């Protein structure tokens, strides 16, 4: 899932549809900032909002760090798309990023 479906769907949506929608009225950088913000806020659900002992908790410092890191990761995906002229480069970059993250989480941390 993390290596195929997420990168394909997310890149088509964020770097394709969201970016394309905002690029009609804004420049590329502004459109990229909006799609990157949307991407990073969506990924807040992965880290920062947790369910502990029957209660939802919002972890402010980890959330700020995570959203910031995901914002810049999203900008990297955008640069791959922009420099190649194709969503395929962003999909490959996203998939590679997810592979490294899974490797670190499941084989290096645990």
PDB file of N, CA and C in Angstrom:
ATOM      1  N   UNK A   1       0.822  -1.198   0.000  1.00  0.00           N
ATOM      2  CA  UNK A   1       0.000   0.000   0.000  1.00  0.00           C
ATOM      3  C   UNK A   1       0.861   1.255   0.000  1.00  0.00           C
ATOM      4  N   UNK A   2       1.813   1.335   0.929  1.00  0.00           N
ATOM      5  CA  UNK A   2       2.617   2.548   1.077  1.00  0.00           C
ATOM      6  C   UNK A   2       3.537   2.791  -0.113  1.00  0.00           C
ATOM      7  N   UNK A   3       3.846   1.743  -0.854  1.00  0.00           N
ATOM      8  CA  UNK A   3       4.777   1.882  -1.974  1.00  0.00           C
ATOM      9  C   UNK A   3       4.069   2.087  -3.315  1.00  0.00           C
ATOM     10  N   UNK A   4       2.791   1.742  -3.394  1.00  0.00           N
ATOM     11  CA  UNK A   4       2.117   1.856  -4.687  1.00  0.00           C
ATOM     12  C   UNK A   4       0.879   2.749  -4.632  1.00  0.00           C
ATOM     13  N   UNK A   5      -0.129   2.323  -3.906  1.00  0.00           N
ATOM     14  CA  UNK A   5      -1.405   3.023  -3.942  1.00  0.00           C
ATOM     15  C   UNK A   5      -1.333   4.434  -3.361  1.00  0.00           C
ATOM     16  N   UNK A   6      -0.685   4.593  -2.226  1.00  0.00           N
ATOM     17  CA  UNK A   6      -0.586   5.935  -1.634  1.00  0.00           C
ATOM     18  C   UNK A   6       0.166   6.902  -2.539  1.00  0.00           C
ATOM     19  N   UNK A   7       1.371   6.563  -3.008  1.00  0.00           N
ATOM     20  CA  UNK A   7       2.073   7.510  -3.880  1.00  0.00           C
ATOM     21  C   UNK A   7       1.314   7.829  -5.171  1.00  0.00           C
ATOM     22  N   UNK A   8       0.722   6.836  -5.785  1.00  0.00           N
ATOM     23  CA  UNK A   8      -0.006   7.084  -7.030  1.00  0.00           C
ATOM     24  C   UNK A   8      -1.207   7.998  -6.777  1.00  0.00           C
ATOM     25  N   UNK A   9      -2.033   7.616  -5.830  1.00  0.00           N
ATOM     26  CA  UNK A   9      -3.235   8.402  -5.531  1.00  0.00           C
ATOM     27  C   UNK A   9      -2.928   9.791  -5.015  1.00  0.00           C
ATOM     28  N   UNK A  10      -1.979   9.882  -4.106  1.00  0.00           N
ATOM     29  CA  UNK A  10      -1.661  11.187  -3.523  1.00  0.00           C
ATOM     30  C   UNK A  10      -0.999  12.115  -4.530  1.00  0.00           C
ATOM     31  N   UNK A  11      -0.136  11.597  -5.361  1.00  0.00           N
ATOM     32  CA  UNK A  11       0.508  12.457  -6.356  1.00  0.00           C
ATOM     33  C   UNK A  11      -0.480  12.917  -7.418  1.00  0.00           C
ATOM     34  N   UNK A  12      -1.355  12.036  -7.852  1.00  0.00           N
ATOM     35  CA  UNK A  12      -2.385  12.453  -8.815  1.00  0.00           C
ATOM     36  C   UNK A  12      -3.266  13.529  -8.191  1.00  0.00           C
ATOM     37  N   UNK A  13      -3.620  13.332  -6.919  1.00  0.00           N
ATOM     38  CA  UNK A  13      -4.498  14.295  -6.257  1.00  0.00           C
ATOM     39  C   UNK A  13      -3.779  15.609  -5.944  1.00  0.00           C
ATOM     40  N   UNK A  14      -2.679  15.545  -5.171  1.00  0.00           N
ATOM     41  CA  UNK A  14      -2.031  16.784  -4.709  1.00  0.00           C
ATOM     42  C   UNK A  14      -1.225  17.486  -5.801  1.00  0.00           C
ATOM     43  N   UNK A  15      -0.302  16.790  -6.443  1.00  0.00           N
ATOM     44  CA  UNK A  15       0.533  17.430  -7.468  1.00  0.00           C
ATOM     45  C   UNK A  15      -0.196  17.560  -8.796  1.00  0.00           C
ATOM     46  N   UNK A  16      -1.255  16.795  -8.977  1.00  0.00           N
ATOM     47  CA  UNK A  16      -2.033  16.885 -10.205  1.00  0.00           C
ATOM     48  C   UNK A  16      -3.245  17.786 -10.049  1.00  0.00           C
ATOM     49  N   UNK A  17      -4.264  17.312  -9.370  1.00  0.00           N
ATOM     50  CA  UNK A  17      -5.535  18.018  -9.299  1.00  0.00           C
ATOM     51  C   UNK A  17      -5.487  19.293  -8.455  1.00  0.00           C
ATOM     52  N   UNK A  18      -4.988  19.196  -7.215  1.00  0.00           N
ATOM     53  CA  UNK A  18      -4.975  20.385  -6.347  1.00  0.00           C
ATOM     54  C   UNK A  18      -4.059  21.450  -6.939  1.00  0.00           C
ATOM     55  N   UNK A  19      -2.845  21.044  -7.293  1.00  0.00           N
ATOM     56  CA  UNK A  19      -1.891  22.002  -7.860  1.00  0.00           C
ATOM     57  C   UNK A  19      -2.451  22.622  -9.146  1.00  0.00           C
ATOM     58  N   UNK A  20      -2.972  21.786 -10.007  1.00  0.00           N
ATOM     59  CA  UNK A  20      -3.522  22.279 -11.265  1.00  0.00           C
ATOM     60  C   UNK A  20      -4.676  23.244 -11.074  1.00  0.00           C
ATOM     61  N   UNK A  21      -5.509  22.977 -10.082  1.00  0.00           N
ATOM     62  CA  UNK A  21      -6.647  23.864  -9.811  1.00  0.00           C
ATOM     63  C   UNK A  21      -6.191  25.251  -9.374  1.00  0.00           C
ATOM     64  N   UNK A  22      -5.199  25.287  -8.490  1.00  0.00           N
ATOM     65  CA  UNK A  22      -4.732  26.578  -7.985  1.00  0.00           C
ATOM     66  C   UNK A  22      -3.799  27.284  -8.968  1.00  0.00           C
ATOM     67  N   UNK A  23      -3.138  26.528  -9.821  1.00  0.00           N
ATOM     68  CA  UNK A  23      -2.217  27.123 -10.795  1.00  0.00           C
ATOM     69  C   UNK A  23      -2.955  27.981 -11.818  1.00  0.00           C
ATOM     70  N   UNK A  24      -4.238  27.747 -11.988  1.00  0.00           N
ATOM     71  CA  UNK A  24      -5.023  28.549 -12.929  1.00  0.00           C
ATOM     72  C   UNK A  24      -5.053  30.021 -12.519  1.00  0.00           C
ATOM     73  N   UNK A  25      -5.099  30.279 -11.200  1.00  0.00           N
ATOM     74  CA  UNK A  25      -5.212  31.657 -10.697  1.00  0.00           C
ATOM     75  C   UNK A  25      -3.945  32.160 -10.006  1.00  0.00           C
ATOM     76  N   UNK A  26      -3.029  31.259  -9.673  1.00  0.00           N
ATOM     77  CA  UNK A  26      -1.810  31.628  -8.944  1.00  0.00           C
ATOM     78  C   UNK A  26      -0.592  31.174  -9.730  1.00  0.00           C
ATOM     79  N   UNK A  27       0.585  31.571  -9.261  1.00  0.00           N
ATOM     80  CA  UNK A  27       1.785  31.071  -9.927  1.00  0.00           C
ATOM     81  C   UNK A  27       2.140  29.680  -9.386  1.00  0.00           C
ATOM     82  N   UNK A  28       3.118  29.052  -9.985  1.00  0.00           N
ATOM     83  CA  UNK A  28       3.509  27.683  -9.623  1.00  0.00           C
ATOM     84  C   UNK A  28       3.907  27.557  -8.157  1.00  0.00           C
ATOM     85  N   UNK A  29       4.684  28.519  -7.659  1.00  0.00           N
ATOM     86  CA  UNK A  29       5.143  28.469  -6.267  1.00  0.00           C
ATOM     87  C   UNK A  29       3.979  28.557  -5.296  1.00  0.00           C
ATOM     88  N   UNK A  30       3.063  29.465  -5.543  1.00  0.00           N
ATOM     89  CA  UNK A  30       1.898  29.605  -4.665  1.00  0.00           C
ATOM     90  C   UNK A  30       1.027  28.360  -4.706  1.00  0.00           C
ATOM     91  N   UNK A  31       0.817  27.810  -5.884  1.00  0.00           N
ATOM     92  CA  UNK A  31       0.028  26.584  -6.020  1.00  0.00           C
ATOM     93  C   UNK A  31       0.719  25.440  -5.290  1.00  0.00           C
ATOM     94  N   UNK A  32       2.037  25.382  -5.391  1.00  0.00           N
ATOM     95  CA  UNK A  32       2.799  24.341  -4.698  1.00  0.00           C
ATOM     96  C   UNK A  32       2.704  24.499  -3.185  1.00  0.00           C
ATOM     97  N   UNK A  33       2.723  25.736  -2.706  1.00  0.00           N
ATOM     98  CA  UNK A  33       2.575  25.965  -1.258  1.00  0.00           C
ATOM     99  C   UNK A  33       1.223  25.469  -0.764  1.00  0.00           C
ATOM    100  N   UNK A  34       0.188  25.686  -1.543  1.00  0.00           N
ATOM    101  CA  UNK A  34      -1.156  25.248  -1.148  1.00  0.00           C
ATOM    102  C   UNK A  34      -1.255  23.725  -1.182  1.00  0.00           C
ATOM    103  N   UNK A  35      -0.777  23.092  -2.268  1.00  0.00           N
ATOM    104  CA  UNK A  35      -0.886  21.625  -2.309  1.00  0.00           C
ATOM    105  C   UNK A  35       0.007  20.984  -1.247  1.00  0.00           C
ATOM    106  N   UNK A  36       1.141  21.603  -0.933  1.00  0.00           N
ATOM    107  CA  UNK A  36       2.026  21.063   0.105  1.00  0.00           C
ATOM    108  C   UNK A  36       1.417  21.224   1.494  1.00  0.00           C
ATOM    109  N   UNK A  37       0.743  22.337   1.729  1.00  0.00           N
ATOM    110  CA  UNK A  37       0.069  22.530   3.015  1.00  0.00           C
ATOM    111  C   UNK A  37      -1.059  21.512   3.187  1.00  0.00           C
ATOM    112  N   UNK A  38      -1.838  21.313   2.135  1.00  0.00           N
ATOM    113  CA  UNK A  38      -2.917  20.322   2.200  1.00  0.00           C
ATOM    114  C   UNK A  38      -2.354  18.922   2.444  1.00  0.00           C
ATOM    115  N   UNK A  39      -1.285  18.576   1.730  1.00  0.00           N
ATOM    116  CA  UNK A  39      -0.625  17.279   1.893  1.00  0.00           C
ATOM    117  C   UNK A  39      -0.133  17.098   3.328  1.00  0.00           C
ATOM    118  N   UNK A  40       0.536  18.120   3.853  1.00  0.00           N
ATOM    119  CA  UNK A  40       1.115  17.994   5.196  1.00  0.00           C
ATOM    120  C   UNK A  40       0.039  17.919   6.274  1.00  0.00           C
ATOM    121  N   UNK A  41      -1.026  18.694   6.147  1.00  0.00           N
ATOM    122  CA  UNK A  41      -2.096  18.630   7.148  1.00  0.00           C
ATOM    123  C   UNK A  41      -2.830  17.294   7.110  1.00  0.00           C
ATOM    124  N   UNK A  42      -2.983  16.732   5.927  1.00  0.00           N
ATOM    125  CA  UNK A  42      -3.604  15.413   5.808  1.00  0.00           C
ATOM    126  C   UNK A  42      -2.774  14.364   6.540  1.00  0.00           C
ATOM    127  N   UNK A  43      -1.461  14.488   6.458  1.00  0.00           N
ATOM    128  CA  UNK A  43      -0.583  13.509   7.095  1.00  0.00           C
ATOM    129  C   UNK A  43      -0.426  13.708   8.596  1.00  0.00           C
ATOM    130  N   UNK A  44      -1.073  14.717   9.139  1.00  0.00           N
ATOM    131  CA  UNK A  44      -1.082  14.927  10.586  1.00  0.00           C
ATOM    132  C   UNK A  44      -1.706  13.732  11.302  1.00  0.00           C
ATOM    133  N   UNK A  45      -2.613  13.064  10.627  1.00  0.00           N
ATOM    134  CA  UNK A  45      -3.267  11.894  11.216  1.00  0.00           C
ATOM    135  C   UNK A  45      -2.283  10.750  11.476  1.00  0.00           C
ATOM    136  N   UNK A  46      -1.119  10.769  10.803  1.00  0.00           N
ATOM    137  CA  UNK A  46      -0.118   9.727  11.027  1.00  0.00           C
ATOM    138  C   UNK A  46       0.678   9.944  12.306  1.00  0.00           C
ATOM    139  N   UNK A  47       0.749  11.190  12.738  1.00  0.00           N
ATOM    140  CA  UNK A  47       1.596  11.490  13.878  1.00  0.00           C
ATOM    141  C   UNK A  47       1.206  12.854  14.435  1.00  0.00           C
ATOM    142  N   UNK A  48       0.773  12.892  15.650  1.00  0.00           N
ATOM    143  CA  UNK A  48       0.392  14.164  16.249  1.00  0.00           C
ATOM    144  C   UNK A  48      -0.993  14.118  16.862  1.00  0.00           C
ATOM    145  N   UNK A  49      -1.869  13.333  16.279  1.00  0.00           N
ATOM    146  CA  UNK A  49      -3.196  13.108  16.851  1.00  0.00           C
ATOM    147  C   UNK A  49      -3.235  11.637  17.226  1.00  0.00           C
ATOM    148  N   UNK A  50      -3.290  11.358  18.518  1.00  0.00           N
ATOM    149  CA  UNK A  50      -3.204   9.975  18.985  1.00  0.00           C
ATOM    150  C   UNK A  50      -4.367   9.640  19.911  1.00  0.00           C
ATOM    151  N   UNK A  51      -4.671   8.360  19.957  1.00  0.00           N
ATOM    152  CA  UNK A  51      -5.734   7.850  20.825  1.00  0.00           C
ATOM    153  C   UNK A  51      -5.073   7.080  21.958  1.00  0.00           C
ATOM    154  N   UNK A  52      -5.160   7.606  23.177  1.00  0.00           N
ATOM    155  CA  UNK A  52      -4.488   7.008  24.326  1.00  0.00           C
ATOM    156  C   UNK A  52      -5.487   6.830  25.461  1.00  0.00           C
ATOM    157  N   UNK A  53      -5.603   5.593  25.946  1.00  0.00           N
ATOM    158  CA  UNK A  53      -6.465   5.292  27.085  1.00  0.00           C
ATOM    159  C   UNK A  53      -7.884   5.830  26.923  1.00  0.00           C
ATOM    160  N   UNK A  54      -8.444   5.653  25.752  1.00  0.00           N
ATOM    161  CA  UNK A  54      -9.818   6.058  25.513  1.00  0.00           C
ATOM    162  C   UNK A  54     -10.018   7.528  25.202  1.00  0.00           C
ATOM    163  N   UNK A  55      -8.931   8.278  25.043  1.00  0.00           N
ATOM    164  CA  UNK A  55      -9.035   9.716  24.762  1.00  0.00           C
ATOM    165  C   UNK A  55      -8.172  10.095  23.570  1.00  0.00           C
ATOM    166  N   UNK A  56      -8.682  11.052  22.798  1.00  0.00           N
ATOM    167  CA  UNK A  56      -7.897  11.605  21.704  1.00  0.00           C
ATOM    168  C   UNK A  56      -7.013  12.711  22.261  1.00  0.00           C
ATOM    169  N   UNK A  57      -5.748  12.708  21.862  1.00  0.00           N
ATOM    170  CA  UNK A  57      -4.818  13.743  22.302  1.00  0.00           C
ATOM    171  C   UNK A  57      -4.159  14.380  21.089  1.00  0.00           C
ATOM    172  N   UNK A  58      -3.953  15.681  21.181  1.00  0.00           N
ATOM    173  CA  UNK A  58      -3.259  16.424  20.145  1.00  0.00           C
ATOM    174  C   UNK A  58      -1.901  16.826  20.706  1.00  0.00           C
ATOM    175  N   UNK A  59      -0.844  16.312  20.120  1.00  0.00           N
ATOM    176  CA  UNK A  59       0.512  16.575  20.582  1.00  0.00           C
ATOM    177  C   UNK A  59       1.075  17.746  19.776  1.00  0.00           C
ATOM    178  N   UNK A  60       1.111  18.921  20.369  1.00  0.00           N
ATOM    179  CA  UNK A  60       1.397  20.149  19.624  1.00  0.00           C
ATOM    180  C   UNK A  60       2.809  20.193  19.033  1.00  0.00           C
ATOM    181  N   UNK A  61       3.836  19.908  19.826  1.00  0.00           N
ATOM    182  CA  UNK A  61       5.209  19.997  19.316  1.00  0.00           C
ATOM    183  C   UNK A  61       5.468  18.941  18.237  1.00  0.00           C
ATOM    184  N   UNK A  62       5.154  17.661  18.503  1.00  0.00           N
ATOM    185  CA  UNK A  62       5.330  16.675  17.427  1.00  0.00           C
ATOM    186  C   UNK A  62       4.505  17.015  16.178  1.00  0.00           C
ATOM    187  N   UNK A  63       3.323  17.576  16.371  1.00  0.00           N
ATOM    188  CA  UNK A  63       2.475  17.936  15.237  1.00  0.00           C
ATOM    189  C   UNK A  63       3.119  19.023  14.384  1.00  0.00           C
ATOM    190  N   UNK A  64       3.664  20.039  15.030  1.00  0.00           N
ATOM    191  CA  UNK A  64       4.315  21.124  14.296  1.00  0.00           C
ATOM    192  C   UNK A  64       5.519  20.584  13.528  1.00  0.00           C
ATOM    193  N   UNK A  65       6.316  19.754  14.177  1.00  0.00           N
ATOM    194  CA  UNK A  65       7.481  19.168  13.507  1.00  0.00           C
ATOM    195  C   UNK A  65       7.055  18.295  12.325  1.00  0.00           C
ATOM    196  N   UNK A  66       6.061  17.455  12.534  1.00  0.00           N
ATOM    197  CA  UNK A  66       5.610  16.539  11.498  1.00  0.00           C
ATOM    198  C   UNK A  66       5.040  17.289  10.301  1.00  0.00           C
ATOM    199  N   UNK A  67       4.176  18.268  10.556  1.00  0.00           N
ATOM    200  CA  UNK A  67       3.575  19.033   9.462  1.00  0.00           C
ATOM    201  C   UNK A  67       4.667  19.782   8.692  1.00  0.00           C
ATOM    202  N   UNK A  68       5.628  20.349   9.404  1.00  0.00           N
ATOM    203  CA  UNK A  68       6.736  21.032   8.739  1.00  0.00           C
ATOM    204  C   UNK A  68       7.552  20.102   7.866  1.00  0.00           C
ATOM    205  N   UNK A  69       7.885  18.936   8.393  1.00  0.00           N
ATOM    206  CA  UNK A  69       8.657  17.963   7.615  1.00  0.00           C
ATOM    207  C   UNK A  69       7.871  17.452   6.412  1.00  0.00           C
ATOM    208  N   UNK A  70       6.585  17.207   6.588  1.00  0.00           N
ATOM    209  CA  UNK A  70       5.767  16.746   5.465  1.00  0.00           C
ATOM    210  C   UNK A  70       5.585  17.843   4.421  1.00  0.00           C
ATOM    211  N   UNK A  71       5.552  19.102   4.856  1.00  0.00           N
ATOM    212  CA  UNK A  71       5.451  20.215   3.914  1.00  0.00           C
ATOM    213  C   UNK A  71       6.675  20.225   2.995  1.00  0.00           C
ATOM    214  N   UNK A  72       7.863  20.128   3.583  1.00  0.00           N
ATOM    215  CA  UNK A  72       9.074  20.155   2.768  1.00  0.00           C
ATOM    216  C   UNK A  72       9.253  18.881   1.944  1.00  0.00           C
ATOM    217  N   UNK A  73       8.774  17.770   2.452  1.00  0.00           N
ATOM    218  CA  UNK A  73       8.786  16.534   1.665  1.00  0.00           C
ATOM    219  C   UNK A  73       7.877  16.691   0.444  1.00  0.00           C
ATOM    220  N   UNK A  74       6.730  17.300   0.649  1.00  0.00           N
ATOM    221  CA  UNK A  74       5.806  17.550  -0.446  1.00  0.00           C
ATOM    222  C   UNK A  74       6.427  18.478  -1.487  1.00  0.00           C
ATOM    223  N   UNK A  75       7.175  19.475  -1.030  1.00  0.00           N
ATOM    224  CA  UNK A  75       7.860  20.373  -1.960  1.00  0.00           C
ATOM    225  C   UNK A  75       8.884  19.598  -2.795  1.00  0.00           C
ATOM    226  N   UNK A  76       9.535  18.609  -2.189  1.00  0.00           N
ATOM    227  CA  UNK A  76      10.470  17.754  -2.924  1.00  0.00           C
ATOM    228  C   UNK A  76       9.738  16.997  -4.032  1.00  0.00           C
ATOM    229  N   UNK A  77       8.571  16.448  -3.707  1.00  0.00           N
ATOM    230  CA  UNK A  77       7.779  15.739  -4.711  1.00  0.00           C
ATOM    231  C   UNK A  77       7.375  16.684  -5.840  1.00  0.00           C
ATOM    232  N   UNK A  78       7.008  17.913  -5.482  1.00  0.00           N
ATOM    233  CA  UNK A  78       6.651  18.916  -6.491  1.00  0.00           C
ATOM    234  C   UNK A  78       7.849  19.211  -7.400  1.00  0.00           C
ATOM    235  N   UNK A  79       9.038  19.358  -6.814  1.00  0.00           N
ATOM    236  CA  UNK A  79      10.230  19.636  -7.624  1.00  0.00           C
ATOM    237  C   UNK A  79      10.526  18.488  -8.588  1.00  0.00           C
ATOM    238  N   UNK A  80      10.295  17.263  -8.144  1.00  0.00           N
ATOM    239  CA  UNK A  80      10.477  16.115  -9.041  1.00  0.00           C
ATOM    240  C   UNK A  80       9.526  16.220 -10.230  1.00  0.00           C
ATOM    241  N   UNK A  81       8.284  16.559  -9.953  1.00  0.00           N
ATOM    242  CA  UNK A  81       7.294  16.715 -11.026  1.00  0.00           C
ATOM    243  C   UNK A  81       7.664  17.872 -11.941  1.00  0.00           C
ATOM    244  N   UNK A  82       8.021  19.008 -11.353  1.00  0.00           N
ATOM    245  CA  UNK A  82       8.336  20.204 -12.145  1.00  0.00           C
ATOM    246  C   UNK A  82       9.560  19.975 -13.033  1.00  0.00           C
ATOM    247  N   UNK A  83      10.620  19.416 -12.464  1.00  0.00           N
ATOM    248  CA  UNK A  83      11.858  19.235 -13.218  1.00  0.00           C
ATOM    249  C   UNK A  83      11.758  18.168 -14.304  1.00  0.00           C
ATOM    250  N   UNK A  84      10.894  17.180 -14.075  1.00  0.00           N
ATOM    251  CA  UNK A  84      10.742  16.114 -15.078  1.00  0.00           C
ATOM    252  C   UNK A  84       9.606  16.393 -16.054  1.00  0.00           C
ATOM    253  N   UNK A  85       8.656  17.222 -15.616  1.00  0.00           N
ATOM    254  CA  UNK A  85       7.483  17.479 -16.445  1.00  0.00           C
ATOM    255  C   UNK A  85       6.460  16.360 -16.388  1.00  0.00           C
ATOM    256  N   UNK A  86       6.625  15.453 -15.418  1.00  0.00           N
ATOM    257  CA  UNK A  86       5.737  14.292 -15.331  1.00  0.00           C
ATOM    258  C   UNK A  86       5.405  13.951 -13.882  1.00  0.00           C
ATOM    259  N   UNK A  87       4.173  13.522 -13.678  1.00  0.00           N
ATOM    260  CA  UNK A  87       3.787  13.036 -12.348  1.00  0.00           C
ATOM    261  C   UNK A  87       4.514  11.738 -11.989  1.00  0.00           C
ATOM    262  N   UNK A  88       4.964  11.018 -12.990  1.00  0.00           N
ATOM    263  CA  UNK A  88       5.647   9.749 -12.727  1.00  0.00           C
ATOM    264  C   UNK A  88       6.885   9.949 -11.849  1.00  0.00           C
ATOM    265  N   UNK A  89       7.630  11.001 -12.067  1.00  0.00           N
ATOM    266  CA  UNK A  89       8.813  11.269 -11.246  1.00  0.00           C
ATOM    267  C   UNK A  89       8.417  11.528  -9.793  1.00  0.00           C
ATOM    268  N   UNK A  90       7.334  12.261  -9.580  1.00  0.00           N
ATOM    269  CA  UNK A  90       6.854  12.516  -8.220  1.00  0.00           C
ATOM    270  C   UNK A  90       6.376  11.223  -7.569  1.00  0.00           C
ATOM    271  N   UNK A  91       5.721  10.367  -8.335  1.00  0.00           N
ATOM    272  CA  UNK A  91       5.255   9.075  -7.819  1.00  0.00           C
ATOM    273  C   UNK A  91       6.438   8.206  -7.413  1.00  0.00           C
ATOM    274  N   UNK A  92       7.461   8.156  -8.240  1.00  0.00           N
ATOM    275  CA  UNK A  92       8.650   7.352  -7.930  1.00  0.00           C
ATOM    276  C   UNK A  92       9.369   7.905  -6.694  1.00  0.00           C
ATOM    277  N   UNK A  93       9.499   9.229  -6.615  1.00  0.00           N
ATOM    278  CA  UNK A  93      10.128   9.858  -5.452  1.00  0.00           C
ATOM    279  C   UNK A  93       9.326   9.570  -4.182  1.00  0.00           C
ATOM    280  N   UNK A  94       8.020   9.702  -4.269  1.00  0.00           N
ATOM    281  CA  UNK A  94       7.135   9.451  -3.129  1.00  0.00           C
ATOM    282  C   UNK A  94       7.232   7.992  -2.689  1.00  0.00           C
ATOM    283  N   UNK A  95       7.215   7.098  -3.642  1.00  0.00           N
ATOM    284  CA  UNK A  95       7.324   5.671  -3.349  1.00  0.00           C
ATOM    285  C   UNK A  95       8.670   5.355  -2.695  1.00  0.00           C
ATOM    286  N   UNK A  96       9.725   5.950  -3.193  1.00  0.00           N
ATOM    287  CA  UNK A  96      11.058   5.738  -2.615  1.00  0.00           C
ATOM    288  C   UNK A  96      11.128   6.290  -1.193  1.00  0.00           C
ATOM    289  N   UNK A  97      10.545   7.457  -0.992  1.00  0.00           N
ATOM    290  CA  UNK A  97      10.494   8.046   0.351  1.00  0.00           C
ATOM    291  C   UNK A  97       9.775   7.107   1.315  1.00  0.00           C
ATOM    292  N   UNK A  98       8.629   6.582   0.887  1.00  0.00           N
ATOM    293  CA  UNK A  98       7.873   5.664   1.743  1.00  0.00           C
ATOM    294  C   UNK A  98       8.660   4.389   2.042  1.00  0.00           C
ATOM    295  N   UNK A  99       9.387   3.883   1.055  1.00  0.00           N
ATOM    296  CA  UNK A  99      10.214   2.691   1.266  1.00  0.00           C
ATOM    297  C   UNK A  99      11.256   2.947   2.344  1.00  0.00           C
ATOM    298  N   UNK A 100      11.955   4.064   2.256  1.00  0.00           N
ATOM    299  CA  UNK A 100      12.981   4.391   3.251  1.00  0.00           C
ATOM    300  C   UNK A 100      12.351   4.576   4.628  1.00  0.00           C
ATOM    301  N   UNK A 101      11.219   5.271   4.690  1.00  0.00           N
ATOM    302  CA  UNK A 101      10.534   5.472   5.977  1.00  0.00           C
ATOM    303  C   UNK A 101      10.124   4.134   6.601  1.00  0.00           C
ATOM    304  N   UNK A 102       9.570   3.240   5.795  1.00  0.00           N
ATOM    305  CA  UNK A 102       9.156   1.927   6.326  1.00  0.00           C
ATOM    306  C   UNK A 102      10.370   1.138   6.795  1.00  0.00           C
ATOM    307  N   UNK A 103      11.448   1.182   6.047  1.00  0.00           N
ATOM    308  CA  UNK A 103      12.670   0.480   6.435  1.00  0.00           C
ATOM    309  C   UNK A 103      13.177   0.997   7.783  1.00  0.00           C
ATOM    310  N   UNK A 104      13.238   2.310   7.924  1.00  0.00           N
ATOM    311  CA  UNK A 104      13.722   2.893   9.182  1.00  0.00           C
ATOM    312  C   UNK A 104      12.794   2.534  10.336  1.00  0.00           C
ATOM    313  N   UNK A 105      11.503   2.666  10.129  1.00  0.00           N
ATOM    314  CA  UNK A 105      10.541   2.398  11.206  1.00  0.00           C
ATOM    315  C   UNK A 105      10.534   0.930  11.604  1.00  0.00           C
ATOM    316  N   UNK A 106      10.492   0.013  10.637  1.00  0.00           N
ATOM    317  CA  UNK A 106      10.319  -1.402  10.962  1.00  0.00           C
ATOM    318  C   UNK A 106      11.619  -2.169  11.184  1.00  0.00           C
ATOM    319  N   UNK A 107      12.734  -1.679  10.653  1.00  0.00           N
ATOM    320  CA  UNK A 107      13.976  -2.447  10.783  1.00  0.00           C
ATOM    321  C   UNK A 107      15.052  -1.748  11.596  1.00  0.00           C
ATOM    322  N   UNK A 108      14.991  -0.434  11.728  1.00  0.00           N
ATOM    323  CA  UNK A 108      16.023   0.288  12.462  1.00  0.00           C
ATOM    324  C   UNK A 108      15.573   0.745  13.831  1.00  0.00           C
ATOM    325  N   UNK A 109      14.321   1.134  13.944  1.00  0.00           N
ATOM    326  CA  UNK A 109      13.825   1.641  15.234  1.00  0.00           C
ATOM    327  C   UNK A 109      13.370   0.500  16.135  1.00  0.00           C
ATOM    328  N   UNK A 110      12.664  -0.455  15.561  1.00  0.00           N
ATOM    329  CA  UNK A 110      12.093  -1.543  16.368  1.00  0.00           C
ATOM    330  C   UNK A 110      13.129  -2.621  16.617  1.00  0.00           C
TER     331      UNK A 110
END
